[in-house]
Protein backbone atom coordinates (compact mmCIF):
# COMPACT_ATOMS: atom_id res chain seq x y z
CA MET A 1 -75.18 84.71 -16.37
CA ILE A 2 -76.68 82.62 -13.59
CA THR A 3 -76.87 84.42 -10.27
CA ASP A 4 -77.75 83.43 -6.71
CA ASP A 5 -81.06 81.84 -7.65
CA GLY A 6 -80.04 78.39 -6.48
CA SER A 7 -79.76 76.98 -9.98
CA GLY A 8 -76.05 76.32 -9.95
CA LEU A 9 -72.52 77.47 -9.18
CA THR A 10 -71.06 79.94 -11.60
CA ALA A 11 -67.44 80.34 -12.53
CA GLY A 12 -67.31 83.38 -10.30
CA ASP A 13 -68.68 81.38 -7.38
CA LEU A 14 -65.78 78.97 -7.63
CA GLY A 15 -63.04 81.23 -6.45
CA GLY A 16 -62.82 84.20 -8.81
CA SER A 17 -64.00 87.78 -8.64
CA ILE A 18 -64.39 88.07 -12.42
CA PRO A 19 -67.83 86.90 -13.53
CA VAL A 20 -67.63 84.29 -16.28
CA PRO A 21 -70.70 82.63 -17.84
CA ALA A 22 -71.26 79.08 -16.67
CA ASP A 23 -71.18 77.80 -20.26
CA CYS A 24 -67.92 79.55 -21.12
CA GLY A 25 -65.86 77.88 -23.80
CA LYS A 26 -68.85 76.15 -25.35
CA GLY A 27 -67.89 74.73 -28.71
CA SER A 28 -64.38 76.10 -28.41
CA ILE A 29 -61.52 74.34 -30.14
CA LEU A 30 -59.60 74.27 -26.88
CA THR A 31 -62.36 72.44 -24.99
CA SER A 32 -62.93 69.95 -27.81
CA THR A 33 -59.21 69.30 -28.20
CA ALA A 34 -58.69 68.85 -24.47
CA LEU A 35 -61.59 66.40 -24.18
CA THR A 36 -60.37 64.43 -27.20
CA LEU A 37 -56.90 64.10 -25.69
CA VAL A 38 -58.38 63.01 -22.37
CA LEU A 39 -60.50 60.34 -24.05
CA LEU A 40 -57.51 59.10 -26.05
CA ALA A 41 -55.43 58.86 -22.87
CA ALA A 42 -58.28 56.98 -21.18
CA GLY A 43 -58.41 54.54 -24.07
CA VAL A 44 -54.66 53.90 -24.09
CA LEU A 45 -54.52 53.30 -20.33
CA ARG A 46 -57.40 50.86 -20.51
CA CYS A 47 -56.74 49.00 -23.76
CA VAL A 48 -53.00 48.39 -24.07
CA GLY A 49 -52.00 44.88 -23.00
CA LEU A 50 -55.55 43.86 -22.06
CA GLU A 51 -55.01 40.13 -22.45
CA SER A 52 -51.75 39.99 -20.51
CA ILE A 53 -52.42 42.38 -17.59
CA PRO A 54 -54.07 40.89 -15.61
CA CYS A 55 -52.70 37.54 -16.75
CA GLY A 56 -55.16 34.67 -16.90
CA VAL A 57 -58.87 35.14 -16.35
CA HIS A 58 -60.99 35.65 -13.23
CA GLN A 59 -63.87 33.23 -12.72
CA ASP A 60 -66.46 36.05 -12.68
CA GLU A 61 -65.36 37.53 -15.99
CA ALA A 62 -65.13 34.01 -17.41
CA MET A 63 -68.72 33.38 -16.30
CA ASN A 64 -69.87 36.54 -18.07
CA ALA A 65 -68.12 35.59 -21.31
CA TRP A 66 -69.33 31.98 -21.15
CA THR A 67 -72.93 33.11 -20.55
CA VAL A 68 -72.78 35.47 -23.52
CA GLU A 69 -71.30 32.72 -25.72
CA CYS A 70 -74.20 30.45 -24.75
CA LEU A 71 -76.67 33.23 -25.54
CA LEU A 72 -75.08 33.93 -28.92
CA ARG A 73 -74.92 30.28 -29.96
CA THR A 74 -78.09 28.85 -28.40
CA GLY A 75 -80.28 31.73 -27.17
CA CYS A 76 -80.08 30.45 -23.59
CA ASP A 77 -77.81 31.06 -20.62
CA PRO A 78 -75.82 28.07 -19.27
CA ALA A 79 -78.74 27.15 -16.99
CA GLY A 80 -81.04 26.92 -20.04
CA THR A 81 -82.97 30.17 -19.47
CA PRO A 82 -83.81 31.90 -22.78
CA TRP A 83 -82.53 35.50 -22.90
CA PRO A 84 -82.73 36.24 -19.14
CA VAL A 85 -83.89 39.70 -18.06
CA PHE A 86 -83.91 40.00 -14.28
CA TYR A 87 -81.02 37.67 -13.47
CA THR A 88 -79.00 34.81 -14.85
CA GLN A 89 -77.88 31.75 -12.94
CA GLY A 90 -74.14 31.38 -12.68
CA LEU A 91 -71.68 29.99 -10.12
CA GLY A 92 -74.58 29.46 -7.76
CA ALA A 93 -75.35 33.18 -7.34
CA ASN A 94 -77.95 34.81 -9.54
CA ARG A 95 -76.21 37.61 -11.42
CA SER A 96 -77.44 40.83 -13.00
CA THR A 97 -77.92 40.88 -16.76
CA LEU A 98 -77.11 44.41 -17.97
CA TYR A 99 -73.40 43.70 -18.39
CA LEU A 100 -74.17 40.58 -20.42
CA TYR A 101 -76.06 42.58 -23.02
CA TRP A 102 -73.33 45.22 -23.02
CA LEU A 103 -70.73 42.50 -23.68
CA LEU A 104 -72.80 40.65 -26.27
CA PRO A 105 -72.10 42.81 -29.38
CA PHE A 106 -68.37 42.94 -28.59
CA GLN A 107 -68.16 39.18 -28.32
CA ALA A 108 -70.31 38.71 -31.42
CA VAL A 109 -67.89 40.85 -33.44
CA PHE A 110 -64.52 39.97 -31.89
CA GLY A 111 -65.13 36.38 -30.81
CA PHE A 112 -65.03 34.38 -27.60
CA SER A 113 -61.77 35.40 -25.95
CA VAL A 114 -60.21 37.09 -22.95
CA TRP A 115 -59.42 40.15 -25.07
CA SER A 116 -62.99 40.66 -26.31
CA MET A 117 -64.52 40.42 -22.84
CA ARG A 118 -62.03 42.93 -21.47
CA PHE A 119 -62.31 45.26 -24.45
CA ALA A 120 -66.01 45.67 -23.66
CA SER A 121 -65.06 46.75 -20.14
CA ALA A 122 -62.37 49.12 -21.41
CA VAL A 123 -64.91 50.79 -23.70
CA ALA A 124 -67.26 51.13 -20.73
CA GLY A 125 -64.40 52.78 -18.83
CA VAL A 126 -63.85 55.33 -21.61
CA MET A 127 -67.58 55.92 -21.79
CA ALA A 128 -67.57 56.70 -18.06
CA VAL A 129 -64.89 59.34 -18.67
CA TRP A 130 -67.06 60.96 -21.34
CA LEU A 131 -70.11 60.83 -19.06
CA MET A 132 -68.06 62.44 -16.30
CA TYR A 133 -67.44 65.36 -18.65
CA LEU A 134 -71.18 65.64 -19.34
CA VAL A 135 -72.15 65.48 -15.67
CA CYS A 136 -69.49 67.91 -14.44
CA GLY A 137 -70.27 70.20 -17.35
CA GLY A 138 -74.00 69.98 -16.67
CA LEU A 139 -73.59 70.66 -12.97
CA PHE A 140 -71.00 73.42 -13.34
CA ASP A 141 -69.31 74.32 -16.62
CA ARG A 142 -67.25 72.82 -19.41
CA MET A 143 -63.88 73.54 -17.88
CA THR A 144 -64.87 71.66 -14.73
CA GLY A 145 -66.18 68.93 -17.03
CA VAL A 146 -62.81 68.52 -18.76
CA ILE A 147 -61.02 68.48 -15.41
CA GLY A 148 -63.39 65.81 -14.08
CA ALA A 149 -62.90 63.70 -17.20
CA LEU A 150 -59.11 63.98 -16.86
CA LEU A 151 -59.12 63.01 -13.19
CA LEU A 152 -61.24 59.94 -13.92
CA ALA A 153 -59.24 59.01 -17.03
CA VAL A 154 -56.02 58.61 -15.03
CA CYS A 155 -57.55 57.38 -11.74
CA PRO A 156 -55.71 54.14 -10.79
CA TRP A 157 -58.85 52.68 -9.22
CA HIS A 158 -60.91 53.15 -12.38
CA VAL A 159 -58.14 52.25 -14.83
CA MET A 160 -57.48 48.91 -13.10
CA LEU A 161 -61.10 47.86 -12.85
CA SER A 162 -61.78 48.85 -16.47
CA ARG A 163 -59.28 46.22 -17.61
CA TRP A 164 -61.19 43.04 -16.75
CA GLY A 165 -64.58 41.68 -17.65
CA HIS A 166 -66.37 41.98 -14.32
CA GLU A 167 -69.86 43.49 -14.27
CA SER A 168 -68.71 46.11 -11.76
CA THR A 169 -66.81 47.85 -14.58
CA LEU A 170 -70.16 49.12 -15.84
CA GLY A 171 -71.12 50.39 -12.37
CA LEU A 172 -69.94 53.97 -12.78
CA VAL A 173 -71.69 54.22 -16.16
CA GLN A 174 -74.86 53.00 -14.44
CA VAL A 175 -74.68 56.00 -12.08
CA LEU A 176 -73.38 58.73 -14.38
CA ALA A 177 -75.64 57.98 -17.35
CA PRO A 178 -78.93 58.59 -15.44
CA ILE A 179 -77.58 61.83 -13.96
CA ALA A 180 -76.44 63.01 -17.40
CA ALA A 181 -79.84 62.10 -18.85
CA MET A 182 -81.67 64.02 -16.13
CA LEU A 183 -79.50 67.09 -16.70
CA TRP A 184 -80.09 66.80 -20.46
CA ALA A 185 -83.83 66.67 -19.84
CA GLY A 186 -83.70 69.83 -17.71
CA LEU A 187 -85.02 68.12 -14.60
CA PRO A 188 -84.22 70.13 -11.45
CA VAL A 189 -81.26 68.00 -10.38
CA ALA A 190 -78.83 70.90 -10.50
CA VAL A 191 -78.44 72.87 -13.70
CA SER A 192 -75.95 75.67 -14.19
CA ARG A 193 -77.85 77.16 -17.12
CA PRO A 194 -81.51 77.23 -18.14
CA VAL A 195 -82.56 74.01 -19.93
CA PRO A 196 -86.19 73.85 -21.07
CA LEU A 197 -88.08 70.98 -19.47
CA LYS A 198 -89.20 68.49 -22.12
CA ALA A 199 -91.48 65.53 -21.46
CA SER A 200 -89.91 63.45 -24.25
CA ARG A 201 -86.42 63.87 -22.83
CA SER A 202 -87.67 63.27 -19.31
CA LEU A 203 -89.29 60.01 -20.39
CA ILE A 204 -85.94 58.89 -21.83
CA ALA A 205 -84.20 59.94 -18.61
CA GLY A 206 -86.62 57.81 -16.58
CA VAL A 207 -86.03 54.82 -18.84
CA VAL A 208 -82.24 55.27 -18.60
CA PHE A 209 -82.45 55.48 -14.81
CA GLY A 210 -84.57 52.34 -14.59
CA LEU A 211 -82.46 50.31 -17.02
CA ALA A 212 -79.31 51.24 -15.10
CA CYS A 213 -80.74 49.38 -12.11
CA PHE A 214 -80.63 46.11 -14.07
CA GLY A 215 -76.83 46.13 -13.76
CA TYR A 216 -74.32 45.57 -10.99
CA GLN A 217 -75.99 45.08 -7.61
CA ALA A 218 -73.98 47.78 -5.83
CA ALA A 219 -75.19 50.39 -8.32
CA ARG A 220 -78.71 49.03 -7.91
CA ILE A 221 -78.44 49.86 -4.20
CA LEU A 222 -76.89 53.29 -4.77
CA LEU A 223 -79.22 54.60 -7.49
CA PRO A 224 -82.55 54.74 -5.59
CA VAL A 225 -80.79 56.30 -2.60
CA LEU A 226 -79.15 58.85 -4.89
CA LEU A 227 -82.40 59.74 -6.66
CA THR A 228 -84.14 60.25 -3.32
CA GLY A 229 -81.28 62.46 -2.17
CA LEU A 230 -81.32 64.56 -5.36
CA VAL A 231 -85.00 65.26 -4.83
CA VAL A 232 -84.64 66.05 -1.13
CA VAL A 233 -81.66 68.42 -1.37
CA ASN A 234 -83.35 70.37 -4.17
CA LEU A 235 -86.95 69.86 -3.07
CA SER A 236 -88.01 73.46 -3.63
CA ALA A 237 -86.88 73.29 -7.25
CA TRP A 238 -88.90 70.11 -7.85
CA ILE A 239 -91.95 71.69 -6.22
CA SER A 240 -91.57 74.78 -8.41
CA ALA A 241 -91.25 72.58 -11.49
CA VAL A 242 -94.47 70.66 -10.91
CA ARG A 243 -96.43 73.91 -10.43
CA THR A 244 -96.19 74.56 -14.17
CA ARG A 245 -97.88 72.60 -16.94
CA ARG A 246 -94.57 71.82 -18.64
CA GLY A 247 -93.00 70.84 -15.35
CA LYS A 248 -95.86 68.48 -14.48
CA ALA A 249 -95.57 66.82 -17.89
CA ALA A 250 -91.79 66.44 -17.60
CA VAL A 251 -91.77 65.05 -14.06
CA GLY A 252 -94.71 62.79 -14.90
CA ALA A 253 -92.93 61.49 -18.00
CA PHE A 254 -89.82 60.78 -15.92
CA LEU A 255 -91.86 58.79 -13.42
CA VAL A 256 -93.57 56.87 -16.22
CA GLY A 257 -90.21 55.91 -17.73
CA LEU A 258 -88.98 54.91 -14.29
CA ALA A 259 -92.09 52.83 -13.60
CA LEU A 260 -91.91 51.02 -16.94
CA THR A 261 -88.35 49.86 -16.30
CA LEU A 262 -87.60 49.88 -12.59
CA GLY A 263 -91.13 48.85 -11.64
CA PRO A 264 -90.94 45.24 -12.90
CA LEU A 265 -87.47 44.83 -11.37
CA ALA A 266 -88.63 46.14 -8.00
CA TRP A 267 -91.64 43.83 -8.08
CA ARG A 268 -89.38 40.88 -8.91
CA HIS A 269 -87.36 41.66 -5.79
CA VAL A 270 -90.57 41.43 -3.77
CA VAL A 271 -91.93 38.16 -5.17
CA ASP A 272 -88.74 36.24 -6.10
CA PRO A 273 -86.20 35.69 -3.30
CA GLU A 274 -83.86 33.97 -5.78
CA ILE A 275 -82.99 37.33 -7.36
CA ASN A 276 -80.95 38.31 -4.31
CA VAL A 277 -79.21 35.05 -3.45
CA ARG A 278 -75.77 36.67 -3.63
CA GLY A 279 -76.81 39.63 -1.49
CA ALA A 280 -78.34 37.38 1.15
CA ALA A 281 -75.11 35.36 1.34
CA THR A 282 -72.89 38.41 1.84
CA ARG A 283 -74.98 40.84 3.89
CA ALA A 284 -73.31 42.75 6.68
CA TRP A 285 -75.51 41.48 9.49
CA GLN A 286 -76.56 38.13 10.92
CA GLU A 287 -80.12 36.85 10.70
CA SER A 288 -80.37 36.91 14.49
CA ASP A 289 -79.35 40.59 14.78
CA ALA A 290 -81.93 43.10 15.98
CA PRO A 291 -82.88 45.94 13.59
CA VAL A 292 -80.83 48.47 15.55
CA THR A 293 -77.80 46.17 15.41
CA ARG A 294 -78.20 45.75 11.66
CA VAL A 295 -78.32 49.50 11.12
CA GLY A 296 -75.27 49.92 13.34
CA LYS A 297 -73.26 47.37 11.35
CA VAL A 298 -74.19 49.07 8.09
CA LEU A 299 -73.27 52.56 9.30
CA ALA A 300 -70.04 51.31 10.88
CA ARG A 301 -68.73 50.51 7.38
CA TRP A 302 -69.14 54.13 6.20
CA PRO A 303 -66.13 56.02 7.67
CA ALA A 304 -63.41 53.68 6.38
CA HIS A 305 -64.35 54.52 2.78
CA PHE A 306 -63.13 58.08 3.36
CA GLY A 307 -60.00 57.08 5.26
CA PRO A 308 -56.44 57.42 3.91
CA ARG A 309 -55.77 53.71 4.32
CA PHE A 310 -58.27 52.76 1.62
CA LEU A 311 -58.05 55.80 -0.64
CA LEU A 312 -54.33 56.62 -0.50
CA LEU A 313 -52.15 54.08 1.34
CA GLU A 314 -53.13 50.44 0.92
CA GLY A 315 -56.39 50.22 -1.02
CA ASP A 316 -58.60 47.14 -0.95
CA VAL A 317 -57.37 44.27 1.20
CA LEU A 318 -57.90 42.03 -1.85
CA GLU A 319 -54.70 42.66 -3.80
CA PHE A 320 -56.19 42.08 -7.24
CA GLN A 321 -58.73 44.88 -6.63
CA SER A 322 -56.14 47.42 -5.51
CA PRO A 323 -53.39 49.29 -7.39
CA PRO A 324 -50.00 47.76 -6.49
CA GLY A 325 -48.01 49.78 -3.98
CA GLY A 326 -50.68 52.33 -3.08
CA GLY A 327 -54.29 53.22 -2.46
CA GLN A 328 -57.24 53.47 -4.82
CA LEU A 329 -56.50 57.13 -5.69
CA SER A 330 -53.39 59.15 -6.48
CA TRP A 331 -52.14 61.46 -3.72
CA TYR A 332 -52.93 64.68 -5.60
CA MET A 333 -56.63 63.87 -5.27
CA LEU A 334 -56.58 64.54 -1.51
CA PRO A 335 -56.05 68.34 -1.60
CA LEU A 336 -58.42 68.65 -4.57
CA ILE A 337 -61.20 66.81 -2.74
CA VAL A 338 -60.66 68.88 0.41
CA VAL A 339 -60.73 72.18 -1.51
CA GLY A 340 -63.70 71.05 -3.59
CA ALA A 341 -65.69 70.01 -0.52
CA CYS A 342 -64.96 73.36 1.16
CA VAL A 343 -65.99 75.34 -1.94
CA ALA A 344 -69.16 73.31 -2.47
CA GLY A 345 -69.98 73.51 1.25
CA THR A 346 -69.57 77.29 1.21
CA HIS A 347 -72.09 77.65 -1.62
CA ALA A 348 -74.39 74.75 -0.74
CA ARG A 349 -77.11 76.99 0.69
CA ARG A 350 -77.80 78.76 -2.60
CA SER A 351 -76.48 76.35 -5.20
CA ARG A 352 -78.21 73.21 -6.41
CA ALA A 353 -75.03 72.02 -8.09
CA ALA A 354 -73.04 72.38 -4.87
CA ARG A 355 -75.64 70.39 -2.95
CA ALA A 356 -75.71 67.70 -5.61
CA ALA A 357 -71.91 67.42 -5.59
CA LEU A 358 -71.79 67.09 -1.81
CA LEU A 359 -74.58 64.51 -1.92
CA LEU A 360 -72.64 62.42 -4.46
CA LEU A 361 -69.59 62.63 -2.24
CA VAL A 362 -71.38 61.60 0.95
CA LEU A 363 -73.27 58.75 -0.75
CA TYR A 364 -70.32 57.33 -2.67
CA PRO A 365 -69.94 54.27 -0.36
CA ALA A 366 -73.69 53.45 -0.34
CA GLY A 367 -73.39 50.49 -2.72
CA ASP A 368 -70.92 48.82 -0.35
CA MET A 369 -72.85 49.32 2.86
CA LEU A 370 -75.03 46.23 2.92
CA SER A 371 -72.32 43.64 2.30
CA ARG A 372 -69.70 42.36 4.69
CA ALA A 373 -66.01 42.59 3.83
CA ASP A 374 -62.69 43.17 5.55
CA GLY A 375 -62.82 46.91 4.98
CA PRO A 376 -64.10 48.89 1.99
CA HIS A 377 -64.68 46.79 -1.12
CA ALA A 378 -63.30 48.36 -4.30
CA LEU A 379 -65.80 46.74 -6.66
CA ARG A 380 -68.91 47.60 -4.65
CA SER A 381 -67.67 51.14 -3.98
CA LEU A 382 -66.79 51.80 -7.64
CA PRO A 383 -70.27 53.02 -8.72
CA GLY A 384 -69.92 55.92 -6.27
CA LEU A 385 -66.43 56.96 -7.41
CA GLY A 386 -67.97 59.79 -9.40
CA GLY A 387 -68.70 61.71 -6.19
CA LEU A 388 -65.01 61.84 -5.28
CA VAL A 389 -63.99 62.87 -8.79
CA ILE A 390 -66.65 65.56 -9.19
CA VAL A 391 -65.74 67.25 -5.91
CA ALA A 392 -62.03 67.05 -6.81
CA ALA A 393 -62.81 68.67 -10.18
CA VAL A 394 -64.66 71.49 -8.38
CA GLY A 395 -61.60 72.01 -6.17
CA CYS A 396 -59.21 72.11 -9.12
CA ALA A 397 -61.43 74.53 -11.05
CA ALA A 398 -61.69 76.78 -7.99
CA VAL A 399 -57.90 76.96 -7.65
CA LEU A 400 -57.46 77.82 -11.34
CA ARG A 401 -60.12 80.53 -11.25
CA LEU A 402 -58.69 82.02 -8.08
CA ALA A 403 -55.30 82.18 -9.75
CA ARG A 404 -56.80 83.80 -12.84
CA ALA A 405 -58.59 86.41 -10.74
CA SER A 406 -55.70 87.30 -8.46
CA GLN A 407 -52.53 86.42 -10.40
CA PRO A 408 -53.36 85.90 -14.09
CA LYS A 409 -49.71 85.31 -14.96
CA LEU A 410 -49.67 82.25 -12.69
CA VAL A 411 -52.49 80.43 -14.48
CA LEU A 412 -50.33 78.89 -17.22
CA PRO A 413 -47.45 77.85 -14.92
CA ALA A 414 -49.93 76.44 -12.41
CA THR A 415 -51.71 74.49 -15.13
CA VAL A 416 -48.45 73.10 -16.49
CA ALA A 417 -47.29 72.20 -12.98
CA GLY A 418 -50.58 70.45 -12.22
CA LEU A 419 -50.51 68.48 -15.47
CA THR A 420 -46.91 67.50 -14.76
CA VAL A 421 -47.88 66.12 -11.35
CA VAL A 422 -50.73 64.16 -12.93
CA LEU A 423 -48.43 62.84 -15.66
CA VAL A 424 -45.70 61.78 -13.22
CA CYS A 425 -48.14 60.07 -10.85
CA THR A 426 -49.87 58.32 -13.75
CA GLY A 427 -46.53 57.17 -15.14
CA ASP A 428 -45.54 55.81 -11.73
CA PHE A 429 -48.84 53.94 -11.45
CA VAL A 430 -48.44 52.45 -14.93
CA ARG A 431 -44.89 51.35 -14.09
CA ARG A 432 -45.96 49.69 -10.85
CA TYR A 433 -49.00 48.11 -12.47
CA ARG A 434 -47.12 46.65 -15.43
CA ALA A 435 -44.16 45.47 -13.37
CA GLY A 436 -45.83 44.28 -10.21
CA PHE A 437 -49.51 43.45 -10.62
CA ASN A 438 -49.09 39.98 -12.11
CA ARG A 439 -46.59 39.18 -9.37
CA GLU A 440 -49.08 39.80 -6.57
CA SER A 441 -49.69 36.63 -4.59
CA SER A 442 -53.44 36.69 -5.18
CA ILE A 443 -53.22 36.87 -8.98
CA ALA A 444 -52.50 33.18 -9.51
CA ARG A 445 -55.24 32.29 -7.04
CA HIS A 446 -57.90 34.54 -8.58
CA PHE A 447 -56.95 34.71 -12.26
CA HIS A 448 -55.76 31.14 -12.97
CA PRO A 449 -53.14 31.97 -15.65
CA GLU A 450 -51.64 28.48 -15.72
CA LEU A 451 -55.09 26.84 -15.95
CA LEU A 452 -56.00 29.14 -18.82
CA ASP A 453 -52.80 28.10 -20.65
CA ALA A 454 -53.54 24.43 -20.00
CA SER A 455 -57.07 24.91 -21.37
CA ARG A 456 -55.76 26.46 -24.56
CA TRP A 457 -53.37 23.53 -25.02
CA LEU A 458 -56.20 21.06 -24.42
CA ARG A 459 -58.61 22.78 -26.83
CA SER A 460 -57.70 20.70 -29.91
CA ARG A 461 -56.80 17.53 -27.97
CA VAL A 462 -59.70 16.94 -25.59
CA ASP A 463 -61.46 14.38 -27.80
CA ALA A 464 -58.37 12.14 -27.78
CA TYR A 465 -58.96 11.22 -24.12
CA GLU A 466 -61.60 9.14 -22.44
CA ALA A 467 -61.35 11.40 -19.40
CA VAL A 468 -59.43 14.48 -18.29
CA PHE A 469 -58.94 15.00 -14.55
CA ILE A 470 -58.29 18.63 -13.54
CA THR A 471 -57.06 19.82 -10.16
CA THR A 472 -59.22 22.03 -7.98
CA ALA A 473 -56.36 22.96 -5.65
CA ARG A 474 -55.86 26.75 -5.40
CA THR A 475 -58.52 27.40 -8.04
CA ASN A 476 -61.99 28.90 -7.97
CA GLN A 477 -64.64 27.57 -10.34
CA PRO A 478 -62.05 26.02 -12.69
CA TYR A 479 -64.68 24.70 -15.08
CA VAL A 480 -65.73 28.14 -16.29
CA VAL A 481 -62.11 29.25 -16.77
CA MET A 482 -61.66 26.20 -19.01
CA MET A 483 -64.80 27.02 -20.96
CA VAL A 484 -63.11 30.26 -22.00
CA GLY A 485 -59.65 28.80 -22.58
CA MET A 486 -61.03 25.90 -24.65
CA ARG A 487 -63.61 28.09 -26.41
CA TYR A 488 -66.02 25.37 -25.55
CA ASP A 489 -68.99 24.80 -27.83
CA PRO A 490 -72.24 25.64 -25.99
CA HIS A 491 -74.03 22.94 -27.98
CA ARG A 492 -71.69 20.39 -26.40
CA TRP A 493 -72.47 21.87 -22.98
CA PHE A 494 -76.18 21.25 -23.49
CA GLY A 495 -75.64 17.87 -25.19
CA GLU A 496 -73.08 16.28 -22.85
CA PRO A 497 -73.39 15.29 -19.18
CA VAL A 498 -72.91 18.29 -16.89
CA GLU A 499 -72.87 17.45 -13.18
CA SER A 500 -72.63 19.74 -10.18
CA THR A 501 -72.95 19.83 -6.42
CA ARG A 502 -73.71 22.57 -3.91
CA PRO A 503 -71.92 21.90 -0.61
CA GLY A 504 -72.28 25.57 0.41
CA PRO A 505 -73.49 28.81 -1.17
CA TRP A 506 -71.64 28.17 -4.44
CA LEU A 507 -72.43 25.72 -7.21
CA LEU A 508 -69.45 23.47 -7.98
CA VAL A 509 -69.50 21.95 -11.45
CA HIS A 510 -67.49 18.73 -11.22
CA ARG A 511 -68.10 17.31 -14.66
CA VAL A 512 -68.48 18.71 -18.18
CA GLY A 513 -68.47 15.88 -20.70
CA SER A 514 -65.09 14.17 -20.38
CA LEU A 515 -63.71 16.88 -18.09
CA HIS A 516 -63.72 15.86 -14.43
CA TYR A 517 -62.81 18.34 -11.68
CA MET A 518 -61.10 16.76 -8.69
CA TYR A 519 -63.36 17.79 -5.82
CA PRO A 520 -62.91 15.43 -2.84
CA ASN A 521 -64.98 12.22 -2.88
CA ILE A 522 -66.41 12.98 -6.31
CA TRP A 523 -63.79 12.21 -8.95
CA GLN A 524 -62.27 9.05 -7.44
CA PRO A 525 -65.20 6.73 -8.38
CA VAL A 526 -64.89 7.86 -11.99
CA LEU A 527 -61.20 6.96 -12.04
CA LEU A 528 -61.90 3.62 -10.34
CA GLU A 529 -64.52 2.75 -12.97
CA LEU A 530 -62.03 3.45 -15.76
CA GLN A 531 -59.41 1.29 -14.05
CA GLN A 532 -61.79 -1.64 -13.68
CA ASN A 533 -63.26 -1.76 -17.16
CA ARG A 534 -61.66 -3.87 -19.86
CA ASP A 535 -60.90 -1.03 -22.24
CA ARG A 536 -57.51 0.57 -22.61
CA ASP A 537 -58.41 4.18 -21.88
CA ARG A 538 -56.26 7.24 -22.49
CA VAL A 539 -56.58 9.54 -19.51
CA LEU A 540 -55.03 12.95 -18.95
CA PHE A 541 -54.20 14.50 -15.59
CA ILE A 542 -53.76 18.26 -15.12
CA VAL A 543 -52.61 18.63 -11.52
CA ARG A 544 -50.40 20.66 -9.20
CA PRO A 545 -46.73 19.66 -8.91
CA GLY A 546 -46.49 16.59 -6.70
CA GLU A 547 -50.26 16.18 -6.41
CA LEU A 548 -51.39 12.53 -6.21
CA GLY A 549 -47.77 11.54 -5.67
CA MET A 550 -47.37 11.66 -9.43
CA PRO A 551 -43.84 11.33 -10.88
CA ARG A 552 -42.41 13.92 -13.24
CA PRO A 553 -44.99 15.07 -15.82
CA ASP A 554 -44.93 14.84 -19.59
CA PHE A 555 -44.57 18.61 -19.48
CA GLU A 556 -45.11 21.49 -17.07
CA ILE A 557 -47.07 24.72 -17.46
CA ALA A 558 -45.42 27.48 -15.45
CA GLY A 559 -47.35 29.92 -13.29
CA PRO A 560 -46.46 33.52 -12.33
CA GLN A 561 -45.65 32.48 -8.77
CA GLY A 562 -43.51 29.52 -9.83
CA ASP A 563 -46.31 27.09 -8.92
CA GLY A 564 -47.73 25.87 -12.20
CA LEU A 565 -49.41 22.70 -13.43
CA TRP A 566 -48.19 19.26 -14.41
CA VAL A 567 -49.71 17.53 -17.43
CA ARG A 568 -49.38 13.76 -17.69
CA GLU A 569 -51.02 11.18 -19.93
CA VAL A 570 -51.78 7.74 -18.49
CA SER A 571 -53.15 4.57 -20.08
CA LEU A 572 -55.56 2.63 -17.87
């Protein structure tokens, strides 16, 4: 059994007077069965009804799918860059590439569709649940690992954001996978049982850590801060490790793996300002601000991430990033986090695991600190969610062990009662999500369900028209939504005229072949030219009801808010 040597919390440390080995239950049927059930529940919550909830498709997930389709069919991203590594150009903001290569095999197997892009995210969500088990189990023990996996599996915040194809859905995997790899390698992060240091495993851990930084920008910000913190809070253990030959080899191998992967990315950030176009456009401070003012604006964003308004009451101010009718977490997480923080704080002086858990908790908002937003941002905060869940798992495990030590007969009723609360809260979330999410006012604006339906209708008919004019009213980057709905051929994209403009920070594509998007002062000359030529041209309009003063349409495509699209054919 591990004692007070600073290597980790034991089961006895977490609220029980009966000493239990930190690896209790290893290989047991109960642990394996519980983890399997948790993973199955995670899969069901994330995979059922993927194409219909959310309805439509968000422009960011559409851009990811369209980029992957271009890569699969032509070997280049839509901007013509062959197999991009550091970033890919899309929507005017250079985007990270890790999610693209995660999505690629799913789209290659299942095709170019809304379902395939979201299924890749759902699998990433389930993978995060499994990694949570490994990290909690590596820091503490397997029971705490199962509890952590369960809490993440049913977390409304994580369930929701695992159901669409945004690169942030891989953010938590980007954070948990390097920690799990470092624990597996025996590096002195915080181990609850002796793990021999191995240079080969440490090299892999360094590579995993570096590759994780190629993903979502918020995780890229969090990971170096987290690694620095893990070294600082357990500095004596790292110093002890490098005093031995095996320790030197392991730590050196980790740094080599990190340098081989993160090194080129870090250098690219130094020499190529284009890599951070999106970050520069959304940073929390103004260019004219003094350094002290910039630091103050960054730190001022920290407290709200721990407040009840974001976590429990209202969630993200952007409705489509927040569970309907509540905050990002279920209410039962509050007492678990409080208890877990108290337990970890009590043992922080002599426990590496406790210090690591508290560090993860404190740093959870770090990925969202540098960007401006009206309150905490659910996507940019998601990579740090693991800190909240790990501390909550510690709190739950402490309560169960205290009950076992003091009132053994209460353990089973307490467990059943706790699982019932989780089940009821999860059921209530699922009900609200299925019944109310697509009715949120921001869904039509951000997910374009009626435009996606119009694109599917147009897919087999587009070549019958000389020109198709598509509204841009209450849409965001409509061209890329239509690329998905029409399953557009990337070879056509590279072979036909594609025209764009950049009136602000975003690139607006206003023409793709015969498709013309009705941005002011851009589309009217095209229509005028068609009217003045001597040909009898068939032209299609896809517009908002009443737009252009158009009479009743040939048919109407309904939207979830009752504001759909009119489709009308005109001969010029």
